Amino acid sequence: MTDRIAFARALRREQTPAERAFWALLHPWRERGVHWRRQAPIGPYVVDFCCKSLKLVVEIDGDSHFSDAGVLRDDVRTAYLRQRGFEVLRFTNVDVLESDEGVFDILRGLLGEPDA
């Protein structure tokens, strides 16, 4: 357990540019009181972003996720999270860095208007 927590803390300190950009996209909802965690341990996994009250996990996928092995690992991870009641939403690094308005629109569809 301690190793997973230490690993999550290290990931929080060393966020990718896409993870930093996504965290900024969440800002309006966080300001409204929707609690999000970065690099949150859930079972044997550390997820990129989690809103436990909404049972929503968001993963930001880089290149390693698009190999056969990466897809298989993600499928197993997603199944585990869904079995525990979480909805899993995935964006690529490119989605977040180059299509942030589209990502924001998807979040707005799931989370509602941020200023409501």
C-alpha atoms as a PDB file:
ATOM      1  CA  MET A   1       0.000   0.000   0.000  1.00  0.00           C
ATOM      2  CA  THR A   2       2.746   2.460   0.904  1.00  0.00           C
ATOM      3  CA  ASP A   3       4.523   1.788  -2.385  1.00  0.00           C
ATOM      4  CA  ARG A   4       1.373   2.623  -4.353  1.00  0.00           C
ATOM      5  CA  ILE A   5       0.869   5.834  -2.388  1.00  0.00           C
ATOM      6  CA  ALA A   6       4.505   6.835  -2.897  1.00  0.00           C
ATOM      7  CA  PHE A   7       4.162   6.018  -6.584  1.00  0.00           C
ATOM      8  CA  ALA A   8       1.007   8.176  -6.828  1.00  0.00           C
ATOM      9  CA  ARG A   9       2.775  11.071  -5.089  1.00  0.00           C
ATOM     10  CA  ALA A  10       5.687  10.825  -7.512  1.00  0.00           C
ATOM     11  CA  LEU A  11       3.289  10.852 -10.459  1.00  0.00           C
ATOM     12  CA  ARG A  12       1.584  13.977  -9.077  1.00  0.00           C
ATOM     13  CA  ARG A  13       4.940  15.745  -8.898  1.00  0.00           C
ATOM     14  CA  GLU A  14       5.896  14.651 -12.427  1.00  0.00           C
ATOM     15  CA  GLN A  15       2.692  15.275 -14.376  1.00  0.00           C
ATOM     16  CA  THR A  16       2.847  15.208 -18.149  1.00  0.00           C
ATOM     17  CA  PRO A  17       1.962  18.375 -20.092  1.00  0.00           C
ATOM     18  CA  ALA A  18      -1.365  16.759 -21.066  1.00  0.00           C
ATOM     19  CA  GLU A  19      -2.169  15.938 -17.423  1.00  0.00           C
ATOM     20  CA  ARG A  20      -1.381  19.526 -16.383  1.00  0.00           C
ATOM     21  CA  ALA A  21      -3.602  20.839 -19.194  1.00  0.00           C
ATOM     22  CA  PHE A  22      -6.453  18.508 -18.203  1.00  0.00           C
ATOM     23  CA  TRP A  23      -6.184  19.577 -14.553  1.00  0.00           C
ATOM     24  CA  ALA A  24      -6.566  23.171 -15.743  1.00  0.00           C
ATOM     25  CA  LEU A  25      -9.670  22.198 -17.750  1.00  0.00           C
ATOM     26  CA  LEU A  26     -11.218  20.812 -14.556  1.00  0.00           C
ATOM     27  CA  HIS A  27     -10.646  24.089 -12.707  1.00  0.00           C
ATOM     28  CA  PRO A  28     -14.164  25.556 -13.133  1.00  0.00           C
ATOM     29  CA  TRP A  29     -15.790  22.460 -11.638  1.00  0.00           C
ATOM     30  CA  ARG A  30     -13.212  22.234  -8.875  1.00  0.00           C
ATOM     31  CA  GLU A  31     -13.968  25.875  -8.020  1.00  0.00           C
ATOM     32  CA  ARG A  32     -17.646  24.921  -7.809  1.00  0.00           C
ATOM     33  CA  GLY A  33     -16.806  22.272  -5.225  1.00  0.00           C
ATOM     34  CA  VAL A  34     -16.613  19.106  -7.341  1.00  0.00           C
ATOM     35  CA  HIS A  35     -13.714  17.253  -5.724  1.00  0.00           C
ATOM     36  CA  TRP A  36     -11.175  15.685  -8.092  1.00  0.00           C
ATOM     37  CA  ARG A  37      -8.038  13.769  -7.214  1.00  0.00           C
ATOM     38  CA  ARG A  38      -4.939  13.467  -9.375  1.00  0.00           C
ATOM     39  CA  GLN A  39      -3.070  10.167  -9.536  1.00  0.00           C
ATOM     40  CA  ALA A  40      -5.486   8.455  -7.180  1.00  0.00           C
ATOM     41  CA  PRO A  41      -4.925   4.869  -6.014  1.00  0.00           C
ATOM     42  CA  ILE A  42      -7.921   2.595  -6.639  1.00  0.00           C
ATOM     43  CA  GLY A  43      -7.263  -1.047  -5.846  1.00  0.00           C
ATOM     44  CA  PRO A  44      -4.035  -2.137  -7.548  1.00  0.00           C
ATOM     45  CA  TYR A  45      -4.107   0.839  -9.954  1.00  0.00           C
ATOM     46  CA  VAL A  46      -3.274   4.526  -9.861  1.00  0.00           C
ATOM     47  CA  VAL A  47      -5.722   6.410 -12.082  1.00  0.00           C
ATOM     48  CA  ASP A  48      -4.901   9.771 -13.649  1.00  0.00           C
ATOM     49  CA  PHE A  49      -7.986  11.640 -12.375  1.00  0.00           C
ATOM     50  CA  CYS A  50     -10.876  10.549 -10.191  1.00  0.00           C
ATOM     51  CA  CYS A  51     -14.065  12.132  -8.918  1.00  0.00           C
ATOM     52  CA  LYS A  52     -15.242   9.615  -6.341  1.00  0.00           C
ATOM     53  CA  SER A  53     -18.567  11.366  -5.702  1.00  0.00           C
ATOM     54  CA  LEU A  54     -19.458  11.006  -9.391  1.00  0.00           C
ATOM     55  CA  LYS A  55     -17.756   7.584  -9.700  1.00  0.00           C
ATOM     56  CA  LEU A  56     -15.843   8.944 -12.701  1.00  0.00           C
ATOM     57  CA  VAL A  57     -12.272   8.134 -13.702  1.00  0.00           C
ATOM     58  CA  VAL A  58     -10.513  10.020 -16.478  1.00  0.00           C
ATOM     59  CA  GLU A  59      -7.388   8.595 -18.047  1.00  0.00           C
ATOM     60  CA  ILE A  60      -5.051  10.605 -20.271  1.00  0.00           C
ATOM     61  CA  ASP A  61      -3.374   8.146 -22.613  1.00  0.00           C
ATOM     62  CA  GLY A  62       0.055   8.581 -24.150  1.00  0.00           C
ATOM     63  CA  ASP A  63       1.814   6.489 -26.786  1.00  0.00           C
ATOM     64  CA  SER A  64       2.365   3.451 -24.549  1.00  0.00           C
ATOM     65  CA  HIS A  65      -1.384   2.836 -24.466  1.00  0.00           C
ATOM     66  CA  PHE A  66      -1.612   2.156 -28.196  1.00  0.00           C
ATOM     67  CA  SER A  67       0.474  -1.003 -28.426  1.00  0.00           C
ATOM     68  CA  ASP A  68      -1.241  -4.403 -28.284  1.00  0.00           C
ATOM     69  CA  ALA A  69       0.042  -4.885 -24.737  1.00  0.00           C
ATOM     70  CA  GLY A  70      -1.062  -1.385 -23.735  1.00  0.00           C
ATOM     71  CA  VAL A  71      -4.579  -1.917 -25.070  1.00  0.00           C
ATOM     72  CA  LEU A  72      -4.825  -5.212 -23.202  1.00  0.00           C
ATOM     73  CA  ARG A  73      -3.614  -3.624 -19.939  1.00  0.00           C
ATOM     74  CA  ASP A  74      -6.124  -0.780 -20.365  1.00  0.00           C
ATOM     75  CA  ASP A  75      -8.972  -3.245 -21.023  1.00  0.00           C
ATOM     76  CA  VAL A  76      -8.190  -5.162 -17.822  1.00  0.00           C
ATOM     77  CA  ARG A  77      -7.864  -1.929 -15.830  1.00  0.00           C
ATOM     78  CA  THR A  78     -11.115  -0.518 -17.239  1.00  0.00           C
ATOM     79  CA  ALA A  79     -12.973  -3.749 -16.451  1.00  0.00           C
ATOM     80  CA  TYR A  80     -11.675  -3.631 -12.865  1.00  0.00           C
ATOM     81  CA  LEU A  81     -12.799  -0.022 -12.418  1.00  0.00           C
ATOM     82  CA  ARG A  82     -16.213  -0.626 -13.991  1.00  0.00           C
ATOM     83  CA  GLN A  83     -16.769  -3.622 -11.711  1.00  0.00           C
ATOM     84  CA  ARG A  84     -16.359  -1.176  -8.843  1.00  0.00           C
ATOM     85  CA  GLY A  85     -18.959   1.196 -10.274  1.00  0.00           C
ATOM     86  CA  PHE A  86     -16.715   3.735 -11.978  1.00  0.00           C
ATOM     87  CA  GLU A  87     -17.344   5.170 -15.412  1.00  0.00           C
ATOM     88  CA  VAL A  88     -14.031   5.402 -17.275  1.00  0.00           C
ATOM     89  CA  LEU A  89     -13.416   8.183 -19.764  1.00  0.00           C
ATOM     90  CA  ARG A  90     -10.262   8.220 -21.880  1.00  0.00           C
ATOM     91  CA  PHE A  91      -8.600  11.039 -23.767  1.00  0.00           C
ATOM     92  CA  THR A  92      -5.321  10.952 -25.631  1.00  0.00           C
ATOM     93  CA  ASN A  93      -2.526  13.413 -24.966  1.00  0.00           C
ATOM     94  CA  VAL A  94      -3.280  14.877 -28.405  1.00  0.00           C
ATOM     95  CA  ASP A  95      -6.975  15.325 -27.517  1.00  0.00           C
ATOM     96  CA  VAL A  96      -6.101  17.331 -24.432  1.00  0.00           C
ATOM     97  CA  LEU A  97      -3.241  19.354 -25.926  1.00  0.00           C
ATOM     98  CA  GLU A  98      -4.690  20.081 -29.368  1.00  0.00           C
ATOM     99  CA  SER A  99      -8.472  19.806 -28.947  1.00  0.00           C
ATOM    100  CA  ASP A 100      -9.013  21.174 -25.462  1.00  0.00           C
ATOM    101  CA  GLU A 101     -12.319  22.827 -26.436  1.00  0.00           C
ATOM    102  CA  GLY A 102     -13.674  19.445 -27.520  1.00  0.00           C
ATOM    103  CA  VAL A 103     -12.508  17.856 -24.273  1.00  0.00           C
ATOM    104  CA  PHE A 104     -14.110  20.719 -22.332  1.00  0.00           C
ATOM    105  CA  ASP A 105     -17.395  20.168 -24.218  1.00  0.00           C
ATOM    106  CA  ILE A 106     -17.361  16.464 -23.323  1.00  0.00           C
ATOM    107  CA  LEU A 107     -16.733  17.350 -19.672  1.00  0.00           C
ATOM    108  CA  ARG A 108     -19.558  19.875 -19.762  1.00  0.00           C
ATOM    109  CA  GLY A 109     -21.866  17.153 -21.126  1.00  0.00           C
ATOM    110  CA  LEU A 110     -20.934  14.839 -18.241  1.00  0.00           C
ATOM    111  CA  LEU A 111     -20.507  17.317 -15.408  1.00  0.00           C
ATOM    112  CA  GLY A 112     -22.953  20.057 -16.370  1.00  0.00           C
ATOM    113  CA  GLU A 113     -22.210  23.715 -16.861  1.00  0.00           C
ATOM    114  CA  PRO A 114     -19.242  24.678 -14.703  1.00  0.00           C
ATOM    115  CA  ASP A 115     -20.764  27.992 -13.629  1.00  0.00           C
ATOM    116  CA  ALA A 116     -24.231  26.653 -12.763  1.00  0.00           C
END
